[in-house]
Amino acid sequence: MNIETARIYENKEASDKLRILVDKLWPRGISKEEALLDHWYKQWAPSDDLRKQFHQDKISWEEFQKEYKQELKDNKDQILNDLDDLDKRKTLLLLYGSKDKTNNHAVLLKDFLRDLN
């Protein structure tokens, strides 16, 4: 299974990839039509509490990684069920709203999903 990540604001083109929004909150300034999503998996995003702690600089990137990876492990059965519904012949494009392209949950999620195979 091929997996890529991209900012939703920079990737609005239709493609043959499965476009999956992996944020809990809808990205500002993007209409549902403009997003061209195949799926919106809020359940793959960090919990509200963890997201808020990280964005308010109450925890470090290292602590965020540790806690988010645990949330993913705890939610593994749901994620596997969601994956069963997807065409794995297509590349999964995990879309996120964060400005930071390296320190965001989609990067961690991508690694988690690859490790499931």
PDB file of N, CA and C in Angstrom:
ATOM      1  N   MET A   1       0.846  -1.176   0.000  1.00  0.00           N
ATOM      2  CA  MET A   1       0.000   0.000   0.000  1.00  0.00           C
ATOM      3  C   MET A   1       0.891   1.238   0.000  1.00  0.00           C
ATOM      4  N   ASN A   2       0.711   2.091  -0.984  1.00  0.00           N
ATOM      5  CA  ASN A   2       1.451   3.345  -1.068  1.00  0.00           C
ATOM      6  C   ASN A   2       0.696   4.417  -0.289  1.00  0.00           C
ATOM      7  N   ILE A   3       1.451   5.199   0.480  1.00  0.00           N
ATOM      8  CA  ILE A   3       0.854   6.242   1.310  1.00  0.00           C
ATOM      9  C   ILE A   3       1.679   7.513   1.160  1.00  0.00           C
ATOM     10  N   GLU A   4       0.979   8.627   0.970  1.00  0.00           N
ATOM     11  CA  GLU A   4       1.616   9.934   0.884  1.00  0.00           C
ATOM     12  C   GLU A   4       0.879  10.888   1.821  1.00  0.00           C
ATOM     13  N   THR A   5       1.529  11.983   2.148  1.00  0.00           N
ATOM     14  CA  THR A   5       0.897  13.038   2.940  1.00  0.00           C
ATOM     15  C   THR A   5       0.981  14.346   2.173  1.00  0.00           C
ATOM     16  N   ALA A   6       0.032  15.240   2.428  1.00  0.00           N
ATOM     17  CA  ALA A   6       0.045  16.557   1.780  1.00  0.00           C
ATOM     18  C   ALA A   6      -0.851  17.510   2.556  1.00  0.00           C
ATOM     19  N   ARG A   7      -0.487  18.793   2.503  1.00  0.00           N
ATOM     20  CA  ARG A   7      -1.367  19.834   3.053  1.00  0.00           C
ATOM     21  C   ARG A   7      -2.567  19.969   2.139  1.00  0.00           C
ATOM     22  N   ILE A   8      -3.738  19.997   2.709  1.00  0.00           N
ATOM     23  CA  ILE A   8      -4.948  20.102   1.904  1.00  0.00           C
ATOM     24  C   ILE A   8      -4.987  21.427   1.141  1.00  0.00           C
ATOM     25  N   TYR A   9      -4.366  22.456   1.679  1.00  0.00           N
ATOM     26  CA  TYR A   9      -4.361  23.772   1.042  1.00  0.00           C
ATOM     27  C   TYR A   9      -3.484  23.794  -0.215  1.00  0.00           C
ATOM     28  N   GLU A  10      -2.529  22.882  -0.283  1.00  0.00           N
ATOM     29  CA  GLU A  10      -1.600  22.845  -1.412  1.00  0.00           C
ATOM     30  C   GLU A  10      -1.923  21.718  -2.386  1.00  0.00           C
ATOM     31  N   ASN A  11      -2.920  20.927  -2.080  1.00  0.00           N
ATOM     32  CA  ASN A  11      -3.227  19.777  -2.919  1.00  0.00           C
ATOM     33  C   ASN A  11      -4.729  19.702  -3.129  1.00  0.00           C
ATOM     34  N   LYS A  12      -5.211  20.446  -4.108  1.00  0.00           N
ATOM     35  CA  LYS A  12      -6.650  20.497  -4.355  1.00  0.00           C
ATOM     36  C   LYS A  12      -7.015  19.891  -5.706  1.00  0.00           C
ATOM     37  N   GLU A  13      -6.073  19.234  -6.352  1.00  0.00           N
ATOM     38  CA  GLU A  13      -6.340  18.674  -7.664  1.00  0.00           C
ATOM     39  C   GLU A  13      -6.954  17.282  -7.548  1.00  0.00           C
ATOM     40  N   ALA A  14      -7.817  16.975  -8.491  1.00  0.00           N
ATOM     41  CA  ALA A  14      -8.350  15.617  -8.578  1.00  0.00           C
ATOM     42  C   ALA A  14      -7.215  14.705  -9.020  1.00  0.00           C
ATOM     43  N   SER A  15      -7.237  13.475  -8.543  1.00  0.00           N
ATOM     44  CA  SER A  15      -6.215  12.507  -8.936  1.00  0.00           C
ATOM     45  C   SER A  15      -6.785  11.106  -8.781  1.00  0.00           C
ATOM     46  N   ASP A  16      -5.973  10.130  -9.112  1.00  0.00           N
ATOM     47  CA  ASP A  16      -6.403   8.753  -8.958  1.00  0.00           C
ATOM     48  C   ASP A  16      -6.078   8.225  -7.554  1.00  0.00           C
ATOM     49  N   LYS A  17      -5.566   9.095  -6.695  1.00  0.00           N
ATOM     50  CA  LYS A  17      -5.254   8.718  -5.311  1.00  0.00           C
ATOM     51  C   LYS A  17      -6.515   8.823  -4.457  1.00  0.00           C
ATOM     52  N   LEU A  18      -6.560   8.042  -3.379  1.00  0.00           N
ATOM     53  CA  LEU A  18      -7.655   8.154  -2.415  1.00  0.00           C
ATOM     54  C   LEU A  18      -7.343   9.329  -1.494  1.00  0.00           C
ATOM     55  N   ARG A  19      -8.147  10.352  -1.577  1.00  0.00           N
ATOM     56  CA  ARG A  19      -7.942  11.573  -0.798  1.00  0.00           C
ATOM     57  C   ARG A  19      -8.671  11.435   0.536  1.00  0.00           C
ATOM     58  N   ILE A  20      -7.876  11.371   1.626  1.00  0.00           N
ATOM     59  CA  ILE A  20      -8.435  11.132   2.956  1.00  0.00           C
ATOM     60  C   ILE A  20      -8.012  12.269   3.885  1.00  0.00           C
ATOM     61  N   LEU A  21      -8.990  13.023   4.370  1.00  0.00           N
ATOM     62  CA  LEU A  21      -8.715  14.051   5.368  1.00  0.00           C
ATOM     63  C   LEU A  21      -8.558  13.350   6.715  1.00  0.00           C
ATOM     64  N   VAL A  22      -7.450  13.645   7.414  1.00  0.00           N
ATOM     65  CA  VAL A  22      -7.167  12.969   8.684  1.00  0.00           C
ATOM     66  C   VAL A  22      -7.108  13.954   9.848  1.00  0.00           C
ATOM     67  N   ASP A  23      -7.811  15.070   9.731  1.00  0.00           N
ATOM     68  CA  ASP A  23      -7.938  16.051  10.814  1.00  0.00           C
ATOM     69  C   ASP A  23      -9.314  15.915  11.450  1.00  0.00           C
ATOM     70  N   LYS A  24      -9.402  16.217  12.739  1.00  0.00           N
ATOM     71  CA  LYS A  24     -10.704  16.222  13.422  1.00  0.00           C
ATOM     72  C   LYS A  24     -11.552  17.405  12.988  1.00  0.00           C
ATOM     73  N   LEU A  25     -10.897  18.542  12.767  1.00  0.00           N
ATOM     74  CA  LEU A  25     -11.592  19.770  12.406  1.00  0.00           C
ATOM     75  C   LEU A  25     -11.501  20.000  10.909  1.00  0.00           C
ATOM     76  N   TRP A  26     -12.588  20.529  10.339  1.00  0.00           N
ATOM     77  CA  TRP A  26     -12.579  20.856   8.914  1.00  0.00           C
ATOM     78  C   TRP A  26     -11.618  22.023   8.683  1.00  0.00           C
ATOM     79  N   PRO A  27     -10.768  21.958   7.662  1.00  0.00           N
ATOM     80  CA  PRO A  27      -9.810  23.038   7.402  1.00  0.00           C
ATOM     81  C   PRO A  27     -10.506  24.330   6.951  1.00  0.00           C
ATOM     82  N   ARG A  28     -10.106  25.426   7.536  1.00  0.00           N
ATOM     83  CA  ARG A  28     -10.697  26.730   7.217  1.00  0.00           C
ATOM     84  C   ARG A  28     -10.402  27.116   5.775  1.00  0.00           C
ATOM     85  N   GLY A  29     -11.408  27.705   5.150  1.00  0.00           N
ATOM     86  CA  GLY A  29     -11.212  28.242   3.820  1.00  0.00           C
ATOM     87  C   GLY A  29     -11.297  27.230   2.687  1.00  0.00           C
ATOM     88  N   ILE A  30     -11.617  25.998   3.003  1.00  0.00           N
ATOM     89  CA  ILE A  30     -11.749  24.956   1.976  1.00  0.00           C
ATOM     90  C   ILE A  30     -13.201  24.483   1.980  1.00  0.00           C
ATOM     91  N   SER A  31     -13.837  24.527   0.829  1.00  0.00           N
ATOM     92  CA  SER A  31     -15.208  24.018   0.748  1.00  0.00           C
ATOM     93  C   SER A  31     -15.176  22.504   0.570  1.00  0.00           C
ATOM     94  N   LYS A  32     -16.269  21.859   0.883  1.00  0.00           N
ATOM     95  CA  LYS A  32     -16.345  20.408   0.717  1.00  0.00           C
ATOM     96  C   LYS A  32     -16.165  20.024  -0.752  1.00  0.00           C
ATOM     97  N   GLU A  33     -16.703  20.834  -1.657  1.00  0.00           N
ATOM     98  CA  GLU A  33     -16.542  20.556  -3.092  1.00  0.00           C
ATOM     99  C   GLU A  33     -15.083  20.705  -3.511  1.00  0.00           C
ATOM    100  N   GLU A  34     -14.435  21.725  -2.991  1.00  0.00           N
ATOM    101  CA  GLU A  34     -13.053  22.030  -3.338  1.00  0.00           C
ATOM    102  C   GLU A  34     -12.090  20.953  -2.808  1.00  0.00           C
ATOM    103  N   ALA A  35     -12.432  20.335  -1.699  1.00  0.00           N
ATOM    104  CA  ALA A  35     -11.554  19.355  -1.068  1.00  0.00           C
ATOM    105  C   ALA A  35     -11.432  18.062  -1.872  1.00  0.00           C
ATOM    106  N   LEU A  36     -12.452  17.723  -2.623  1.00  0.00           N
ATOM    107  CA  LEU A  36     -12.451  16.504  -3.446  1.00  0.00           C
ATOM    108  C   LEU A  36     -12.086  15.257  -2.639  1.00  0.00           C
ATOM    109  N   LEU A  37     -12.681  15.126  -1.458  1.00  0.00           N
ATOM    110  CA  LEU A  37     -12.338  14.005  -0.571  1.00  0.00           C
ATOM    111  C   LEU A  37     -13.055  12.719  -0.962  1.00  0.00           C
ATOM    112  N   ASP A  38     -12.353  11.629  -0.732  1.00  0.00           N
ATOM    113  CA  ASP A  38     -12.971  10.306  -0.818  1.00  0.00           C
ATOM    114  C   ASP A  38     -13.468   9.883   0.565  1.00  0.00           C
ATOM    115  N   HIS A  39     -12.726  10.289   1.601  1.00  0.00           N
ATOM    116  CA  HIS A  39     -13.083   9.943   2.983  1.00  0.00           C
ATOM    117  C   HIS A  39     -12.594  11.033   3.923  1.00  0.00           C
ATOM    118  N   TRP A  40     -13.273  11.136   5.063  1.00  0.00           N
ATOM    119  CA  TRP A  40     -12.822  11.997   6.154  1.00  0.00           C
ATOM    120  C   TRP A  40     -12.809  11.118   7.396  1.00  0.00           C
ATOM    121  N   TYR A  41     -11.616  10.707   7.807  1.00  0.00           N
ATOM    122  CA  TYR A  41     -11.468   9.827   8.962  1.00  0.00           C
ATOM    123  C   TYR A  41     -11.020  10.636  10.177  1.00  0.00           C
ATOM    124  N   LYS A  42     -11.971  11.244  10.839  1.00  0.00           N
ATOM    125  CA  LYS A  42     -11.689  12.015  12.056  1.00  0.00           C
ATOM    126  C   LYS A  42     -11.084  11.110  13.132  1.00  0.00           C
ATOM    127  N   GLN A  43     -11.500   9.847  13.127  1.00  0.00           N
ATOM    128  CA  GLN A  43     -11.051   8.910  14.149  1.00  0.00           C
ATOM    129  C   GLN A  43      -9.554   8.583  14.026  1.00  0.00           C
ATOM    130  N   TRP A  44      -8.927   8.950  12.928  1.00  0.00           N
ATOM    131  CA  TRP A  44      -7.493   8.735  12.774  1.00  0.00           C
ATOM    132  C   TRP A  44      -6.682   9.911  13.313  1.00  0.00           C
ATOM    133  N   ALA A  45      -7.337  10.990  13.630  1.00  0.00           N
ATOM    134  CA  ALA A  45      -6.667  12.194  14.118  1.00  0.00           C
ATOM    135  C   ALA A  45      -6.386  12.076  15.620  1.00  0.00           C
ATOM    136  N   PRO A  46      -5.476  12.887  16.120  1.00  0.00           N
ATOM    137  CA  PRO A  46      -5.231  12.905  17.567  1.00  0.00           C
ATOM    138  C   PRO A  46      -6.492  13.329  18.323  1.00  0.00           C
ATOM    139  N   SER A  47      -6.599  12.903  19.547  1.00  0.00           N
ATOM    140  CA  SER A  47      -7.724  13.316  20.385  1.00  0.00           C
ATOM    141  C   SER A  47      -7.711  14.837  20.529  1.00  0.00           C
ATOM    142  N   ASP A  48      -8.868  15.400  20.826  1.00  0.00           N
ATOM    143  CA  ASP A  48      -8.961  16.853  21.004  1.00  0.00           C
ATOM    144  C   ASP A  48      -7.988  17.344  22.066  1.00  0.00           C
ATOM    145  N   ASP A  49      -7.917  16.624  23.172  1.00  0.00           N
ATOM    146  CA  ASP A  49      -7.049  17.035  24.270  1.00  0.00           C
ATOM    147  C   ASP A  49      -5.580  17.048  23.836  1.00  0.00           C
ATOM    148  N   LEU A  50      -5.149  15.992  23.171  1.00  0.00           N
ATOM    149  CA  LEU A  50      -3.754  15.909  22.734  1.00  0.00           C
ATOM    150  C   LEU A  50      -3.451  16.997  21.697  1.00  0.00           C
ATOM    151  N   ARG A  51      -4.344  17.185  20.750  1.00  0.00           N
ATOM    152  CA  ARG A  51      -4.164  18.220  19.722  1.00  0.00           C
ATOM    153  C   ARG A  51      -4.034  19.596  20.360  1.00  0.00           C
ATOM    154  N   LYS A  52      -4.917  19.910  21.300  1.00  0.00           N
ATOM    155  CA  LYS A  52      -4.880  21.226  21.950  1.00  0.00           C
ATOM    156  C   LYS A  52      -3.603  21.416  22.756  1.00  0.00           C
ATOM    157  N   GLN A  53      -3.182  20.384  23.484  1.00  0.00           N
ATOM    158  CA  GLN A  53      -1.945  20.492  24.267  1.00  0.00           C
ATOM    159  C   GLN A  53      -0.752  20.808  23.368  1.00  0.00           C
ATOM    160  N   PHE A  54      -0.687  20.127  22.235  1.00  0.00           N
ATOM    161  CA  PHE A  54       0.443  20.330  21.325  1.00  0.00           C
ATOM    162  C   PHE A  54       0.398  21.719  20.698  1.00  0.00           C
ATOM    163  N   HIS A  55      -0.756  22.140  20.227  1.00  0.00           N
ATOM    164  CA  HIS A  55      -0.858  23.439  19.563  1.00  0.00           C
ATOM    165  C   HIS A  55      -0.727  24.612  20.531  1.00  0.00           C
ATOM    166  N   GLN A  56      -0.948  24.369  21.799  1.00  0.00           N
ATOM    167  CA  GLN A  56      -0.770  25.420  22.800  1.00  0.00           C
ATOM    168  C   GLN A  56       0.610  25.339  23.455  1.00  0.00           C
ATOM    169  N   ASP A  57       1.483  24.509  22.872  1.00  0.00           N
ATOM    170  CA  ASP A  57       2.860  24.329  23.361  1.00  0.00           C
ATOM    171  C   ASP A  57       2.925  23.855  24.815  1.00  0.00           C
ATOM    172  N   LYS A  58       1.942  23.088  25.234  1.00  0.00           N
ATOM    173  CA  LYS A  58       1.954  22.533  26.592  1.00  0.00           C
ATOM    174  C   LYS A  58       2.735  21.225  26.647  1.00  0.00           C
ATOM    175  N   ILE A  59       2.918  20.590  25.473  1.00  0.00           N
ATOM    176  CA  ILE A  59       3.751  19.388  25.397  1.00  0.00           C
ATOM    177  C   ILE A  59       4.685  19.529  24.194  1.00  0.00           C
ATOM    178  N   SER A  60       5.798  18.818  24.250  1.00  0.00           N
ATOM    179  CA  SER A  60       6.790  18.865  23.171  1.00  0.00           C
ATOM    180  C   SER A  60       6.371  17.959  22.014  1.00  0.00           C
ATOM    181  N   TRP A  61       7.056  18.114  20.893  1.00  0.00           N
ATOM    182  CA  TRP A  61       6.834  17.239  19.743  1.00  0.00           C
ATOM    183  C   TRP A  61       7.109  15.777  20.131  1.00  0.00           C
ATOM    184  N   GLU A  62       8.142  15.562  20.921  1.00  0.00           N
ATOM    185  CA  GLU A  62       8.487  14.206  21.349  1.00  0.00           C
ATOM    186  C   GLU A  62       7.359  13.589  22.181  1.00  0.00           C
ATOM    187  N   GLU A  63       6.812  14.358  23.098  1.00  0.00           N
ATOM    188  CA  GLU A  63       5.704  13.865  23.927  1.00  0.00           C
ATOM    189  C   GLU A  63       4.455  13.647  23.082  1.00  0.00           C
ATOM    190  N   PHE A  64       4.200  14.558  22.159  1.00  0.00           N
ATOM    191  CA  PHE A  64       3.061  14.393  21.246  1.00  0.00           C
ATOM    192  C   PHE A  64       3.190  13.086  20.472  1.00  0.00           C
ATOM    193  N   GLN A  65       4.374  12.837  19.919  1.00  0.00           N
ATOM    194  CA  GLN A  65       4.596  11.601  19.156  1.00  0.00           C
ATOM    195  C   GLN A  65       4.279  10.364  19.994  1.00  0.00           C
ATOM    196  N   LYS A  66       4.798  10.355  21.196  1.00  0.00           N
ATOM    197  CA  LYS A  66       4.607   9.205  22.088  1.00  0.00           C
ATOM    198  C   LYS A  66       3.118   8.986  22.371  1.00  0.00           C
ATOM    199  N   GLU A  67       2.413  10.050  22.707  1.00  0.00           N
ATOM    200  CA  GLU A  67       1.002   9.915  23.066  1.00  0.00           C
ATOM    201  C   GLU A  67       0.125   9.609  21.857  1.00  0.00           C
ATOM    202  N   TYR A  68       0.438  10.208  20.717  1.00  0.00           N
ATOM    203  CA  TYR A  68      -0.366   9.943  19.513  1.00  0.00           C
ATOM    204  C   TYR A  68      -0.158   8.512  19.029  1.00  0.00           C
ATOM    205  N   LYS A  69       1.058   8.031  19.075  1.00  0.00           N
ATOM    206  CA  LYS A  69       1.322   6.639  18.685  1.00  0.00           C
ATOM    207  C   LYS A  69       0.546   5.679  19.579  1.00  0.00           C
ATOM    208  N   GLN A  70       0.430   6.017  20.861  1.00  0.00           N
ATOM    209  CA  GLN A  70      -0.361   5.173  21.762  1.00  0.00           C
ATOM    210  C   GLN A  70      -1.838   5.238  21.399  1.00  0.00           C
ATOM    211  N   GLU A  71      -2.333   6.415  21.068  1.00  0.00           N
ATOM    212  CA  GLU A  71      -3.730   6.532  20.638  1.00  0.00           C
ATOM    213  C   GLU A  71      -3.984   5.695  19.385  1.00  0.00           C
ATOM    214  N   LEU A  72      -3.042   5.703  18.462  1.00  0.00           N
ATOM    215  CA  LEU A  72      -3.196   4.899  17.251  1.00  0.00           C
ATOM    216  C   LEU A  72      -3.232   3.409  17.587  1.00  0.00           C
ATOM    217  N   LYS A  73      -2.360   2.973  18.467  1.00  0.00           N
ATOM    218  CA  LYS A  73      -2.354   1.558  18.889  1.00  0.00           C
ATOM    219  C   LYS A  73      -3.681   1.192  19.547  1.00  0.00           C
ATOM    220  N   ASP A  74      -4.189   2.088  20.379  1.00  0.00           N
ATOM    221  CA  ASP A  74      -5.458   1.836  21.064  1.00  0.00           C
ATOM    222  C   ASP A  74      -6.628   1.789  20.082  1.00  0.00           C
ATOM    223  N   ASN A  75      -6.498   2.457  18.951  1.00  0.00           N
ATOM    224  CA  ASN A  75      -7.558   2.553  17.951  1.00  0.00           C
ATOM    225  C   ASN A  75      -7.289   1.638  16.746  1.00  0.00           C
ATOM    226  N   LYS A  76      -6.350   0.728  16.893  1.00  0.00           N
ATOM    227  CA  LYS A  76      -5.895  -0.111  15.780  1.00  0.00           C
ATOM    228  C   LYS A  76      -7.027  -0.894  15.119  1.00  0.00           C
ATOM    229  N   ASP A  77      -7.929  -1.471  15.887  1.00  0.00           N
ATOM    230  CA  ASP A  77      -9.017  -2.267  15.303  1.00  0.00           C
ATOM    231  C   ASP A  77      -9.905  -1.407  14.405  1.00  0.00           C
ATOM    232  N   GLN A  78     -10.236  -0.206  14.845  1.00  0.00           N
ATOM    233  CA  GLN A  78     -11.052   0.695  14.029  1.00  0.00           C
ATOM    234  C   GLN A  78     -10.318   1.085  12.751  1.00  0.00           C
ATOM    235  N   ILE A  79      -9.041   1.368  12.866  1.00  0.00           N
ATOM    236  CA  ILE A  79      -8.246   1.750  11.702  1.00  0.00           C
ATOM    237  C   ILE A  79      -8.182   0.605  10.701  1.00  0.00           C
ATOM    238  N   LEU A  80      -7.993  -0.611  11.198  1.00  0.00           N
ATOM    239  CA  LEU A  80      -7.973  -1.773  10.302  1.00  0.00           C
ATOM    240  C   LEU A  80      -9.316  -1.959   9.606  1.00  0.00           C
ATOM    241  N   ASN A  81     -10.403  -1.742  10.328  1.00  0.00           N
ATOM    242  CA  ASN A  81     -11.736  -1.821   9.711  1.00  0.00           C
ATOM    243  C   ASN A  81     -11.892  -0.763   8.617  1.00  0.00           C
ATOM    244  N   ASP A  82     -11.427   0.445   8.881  1.00  0.00           N
ATOM    245  CA  ASP A  82     -11.494   1.508   7.884  1.00  0.00           C
ATOM    246  C   ASP A  82     -10.657   1.142   6.656  1.00  0.00           C
ATOM    247  N   LEU A  83      -9.485   0.586   6.879  1.00  0.00           N
ATOM    248  CA  LEU A  83      -8.614   0.204   5.765  1.00  0.00           C
ATOM    249  C   LEU A  83      -9.248  -0.878   4.900  1.00  0.00           C
ATOM    250  N   ASP A  84     -10.019  -1.760   5.520  1.00  0.00           N
ATOM    251  CA  ASP A  84     -10.687  -2.822   4.760  1.00  0.00           C
ATOM    252  C   ASP A  84     -11.647  -2.268   3.718  1.00  0.00           C
ATOM    253  N   ASP A  85     -12.168  -1.070   3.961  1.00  0.00           N
ATOM    254  CA  ASP A  85     -13.121  -0.445   3.041  1.00  0.00           C
ATOM    255  C   ASP A  85     -12.445   0.284   1.876  1.00  0.00           C
ATOM    256  N   LEU A  86     -11.121   0.357   1.896  1.00  0.00           N
ATOM    257  CA  LEU A  86     -10.397   1.132   0.889  1.00  0.00           C
ATOM    258  C   LEU A  86      -9.827   0.246  -0.210  1.00  0.00           C
ATOM    259  N   ASP A  87      -9.703   0.807  -1.389  1.00  0.00           N
ATOM    260  CA  ASP A  87      -9.059   0.134  -2.513  1.00  0.00           C
ATOM    261  C   ASP A  87      -7.550   0.283  -2.325  1.00  0.00           C
ATOM    262  N   LYS A  88      -6.904  -0.763  -1.868  1.00  0.00           N
ATOM    263  CA  LYS A  88      -5.477  -0.694  -1.539  1.00  0.00           C
ATOM    264  C   LYS A  88      -4.578  -0.679  -2.773  1.00  0.00           C
ATOM    265  N   ARG A  89      -5.167  -0.800  -3.937  1.00  0.00           N
ATOM    266  CA  ARG A  89      -4.376  -0.671  -5.163  1.00  0.00           C
ATOM    267  C   ARG A  89      -4.069   0.795  -5.440  1.00  0.00           C
ATOM    268  N   LYS A  90      -4.846   1.683  -4.840  1.00  0.00           N
ATOM    269  CA  LYS A  90      -4.637   3.117  -5.024  1.00  0.00           C
ATOM    270  C   LYS A  90      -3.727   3.656  -3.918  1.00  0.00           C
ATOM    271  N   THR A  91      -3.034   4.717  -4.235  1.00  0.00           N
ATOM    272  CA  THR A  91      -2.224   5.405  -3.235  1.00  0.00           C
ATOM    273  C   THR A  91      -3.145   6.153  -2.287  1.00  0.00           C
ATOM    274  N   LEU A  92      -2.879   6.025  -0.983  1.00  0.00           N
ATOM    275  CA  LEU A  92      -3.621   6.788   0.020  1.00  0.00           C
ATOM    276  C   LEU A  92      -2.937   8.141   0.175  1.00  0.00           C
ATOM    277  N   LEU A  93      -3.684   9.204   0.005  1.00  0.00           N
ATOM    278  CA  LEU A  93      -3.161  10.548   0.199  1.00  0.00           C
ATOM    279  C   LEU A  93      -3.781  11.104   1.475  1.00  0.00           C
ATOM    280  N   LEU A  94      -2.976  11.139   2.542  1.00  0.00           N
ATOM    281  CA  LEU A  94      -3.430  11.633   3.840  1.00  0.00           C
ATOM    282  C   LEU A  94      -3.318  13.156   3.849  1.00  0.00           C
ATOM    283  N   LEU A  95      -4.449  13.821   3.935  1.00  0.00           N
ATOM    284  CA  LEU A  95      -4.496  15.277   3.884  1.00  0.00           C
ATOM    285  C   LEU A  95      -4.654  15.874   5.275  1.00  0.00           C
ATOM    286  N   TYR A  96      -3.939  16.947   5.530  1.00  0.00           N
ATOM    287  CA  TYR A  96      -3.962  17.615   6.835  1.00  0.00           C
ATOM    288  C   TYR A  96      -3.909  19.119   6.621  1.00  0.00           C
ATOM    289  N   GLY A  97      -4.228  19.875   7.652  1.00  0.00           N
ATOM    290  CA  GLY A  97      -4.244  21.321   7.545  1.00  0.00           C
ATOM    291  C   GLY A  97      -3.028  22.018   8.126  1.00  0.00           C
ATOM    292  N   SER A  98      -2.227  21.346   8.902  1.00  0.00           N
ATOM    293  CA  SER A  98      -1.088  21.956   9.590  1.00  0.00           C
ATOM    294  C   SER A  98      -0.127  22.643   8.627  1.00  0.00           C
ATOM    295  N   LYS A  99       0.452  23.754   9.073  1.00  0.00           N
ATOM    296  CA  LYS A  99       1.460  24.452   8.277  1.00  0.00           C
ATOM    297  C   LYS A  99       2.805  23.730   8.320  1.00  0.00           C
ATOM    298  N   ASP A 100       3.048  23.006   9.396  1.00  0.00           N
ATOM    299  CA  ASP A 100       4.314  22.296   9.580  1.00  0.00           C
ATOM    300  C   ASP A 100       4.250  20.963   8.829  1.00  0.00           C
ATOM    301  N   LYS A 101       5.078  20.831   7.811  1.00  0.00           N
ATOM    302  CA  LYS A 101       5.031  19.638   6.959  1.00  0.00           C
ATOM    303  C   LYS A 101       5.795  18.448   7.532  1.00  0.00           C
ATOM    304  N   THR A 102       6.592  18.656   8.566  1.00  0.00           N
ATOM    305  CA  THR A 102       7.368  17.548   9.128  1.00  0.00           C
ATOM    306  C   THR A 102       6.902  17.124  10.519  1.00  0.00           C
ATOM    307  N   ASN A 103       6.512  18.080  11.338  1.00  0.00           N
ATOM    308  CA  ASN A 103       6.066  17.763  12.698  1.00  0.00           C
ATOM    309  C   ASN A 103       4.556  17.861  12.792  1.00  0.00           C
ATOM    310  N   ASN A 104       3.886  16.899  12.162  1.00  0.00           N
ATOM    311  CA  ASN A 104       2.428  16.851  12.240  1.00  0.00           C
ATOM    312  C   ASN A 104       1.976  15.399  12.323  1.00  0.00           C
ATOM    313  N   HIS A 105       0.752  15.200  12.736  1.00  0.00           N
ATOM    314  CA  HIS A 105       0.255  13.852  12.992  1.00  0.00           C
ATOM    315  C   HIS A 105       0.151  12.993  11.738  1.00  0.00           C
ATOM    316  N   ALA A 106      -0.042  13.607  10.572  1.00  0.00           N
ATOM    317  CA  ALA A 106      -0.176  12.817   9.347  1.00  0.00           C
ATOM    318  C   ALA A 106       1.110  12.049   9.029  1.00  0.00           C
ATOM    319  N   VAL A 107       2.250  12.641   9.339  1.00  0.00           N
ATOM    320  CA  VAL A 107       3.533  11.971   9.130  1.00  0.00           C
ATOM    321  C   VAL A 107       3.621  10.736  10.027  1.00  0.00           C
ATOM    322  N   LEU A 108       3.208  10.874  11.269  1.00  0.00           N
ATOM    323  CA  LEU A 108       3.219   9.739  12.197  1.00  0.00           C
ATOM    324  C   LEU A 108       2.205   8.685  11.778  1.00  0.00           C
ATOM    325  N   LEU A 109       1.044   9.130  11.333  1.00  0.00           N
ATOM    326  CA  LEU A 109      -0.003   8.214  10.884  1.00  0.00           C
ATOM    327  C   LEU A 109       0.472   7.417   9.675  1.00  0.00           C
ATOM    328  N   LYS A 110       1.143   8.066   8.771  1.00  0.00           N
ATOM    329  CA  LYS A 110       1.680   7.393   7.583  1.00  0.00           C
ATOM    330  C   LYS A 110       2.592   6.230   7.992  1.00  0.00           C
ATOM    331  N   ASP A 111       3.497   6.478   8.922  1.00  0.00           N
ATOM    332  CA  ASP A 111       4.400   5.418   9.407  1.00  0.00           C
ATOM    333  C   ASP A 111       3.605   4.290  10.078  1.00  0.00           C
ATOM    334  N   PHE A 112       2.627   4.665  10.870  1.00  0.00           N
ATOM    335  CA  PHE A 112       1.791   3.666  11.559  1.00  0.00           C
ATOM    336  C   PHE A 112       1.077   2.772  10.543  1.00  0.00           C
ATOM    337  N   LEU A 113       0.477   3.368   9.531  1.00  0.00           N
ATOM    338  CA  LEU A 113      -0.246   2.602   8.524  1.00  0.00           C
ATOM    339  C   LEU A 113       0.684   1.686   7.744  1.00  0.00           C
ATOM    340  N   ARG A 114       1.860   2.157   7.422  1.00  0.00           N
ATOM    341  CA  ARG A 114       2.845   1.312   6.714  1.00  0.00           C
ATOM    342  C   ARG A 114       3.254   0.122   7.563  1.00  0.00           C
ATOM    343  N   ASP A 115       3.390   0.336   8.860  1.00  0.00           N
ATOM    344  CA  ASP A 115       3.792  -0.752   9.753  1.00  0.00           C
ATOM    345  C   ASP A 115       2.706  -1.804   9.932  1.00  0.00           C
ATOM    346  N   LEU A 116       1.465  -1.449   9.613  1.00  0.00           N
ATOM    347  CA  LEU A 116       0.359  -2.419   9.732  1.00  0.00           C
ATOM    348  C   LEU A 116       0.459  -3.518   8.680  1.00  0.00           C
ATOM    349  N   ASN A 117       1.131  -3.237   7.582  1.00  0.00           N
ATOM    350  CA  ASN A 117       1.230  -4.219   6.483  1.00  0.00           C
ATOM    351  C   ASN A 117       2.298  -5.248   6.739  1.00  0.00           C
TER     352      ASN A 117
END
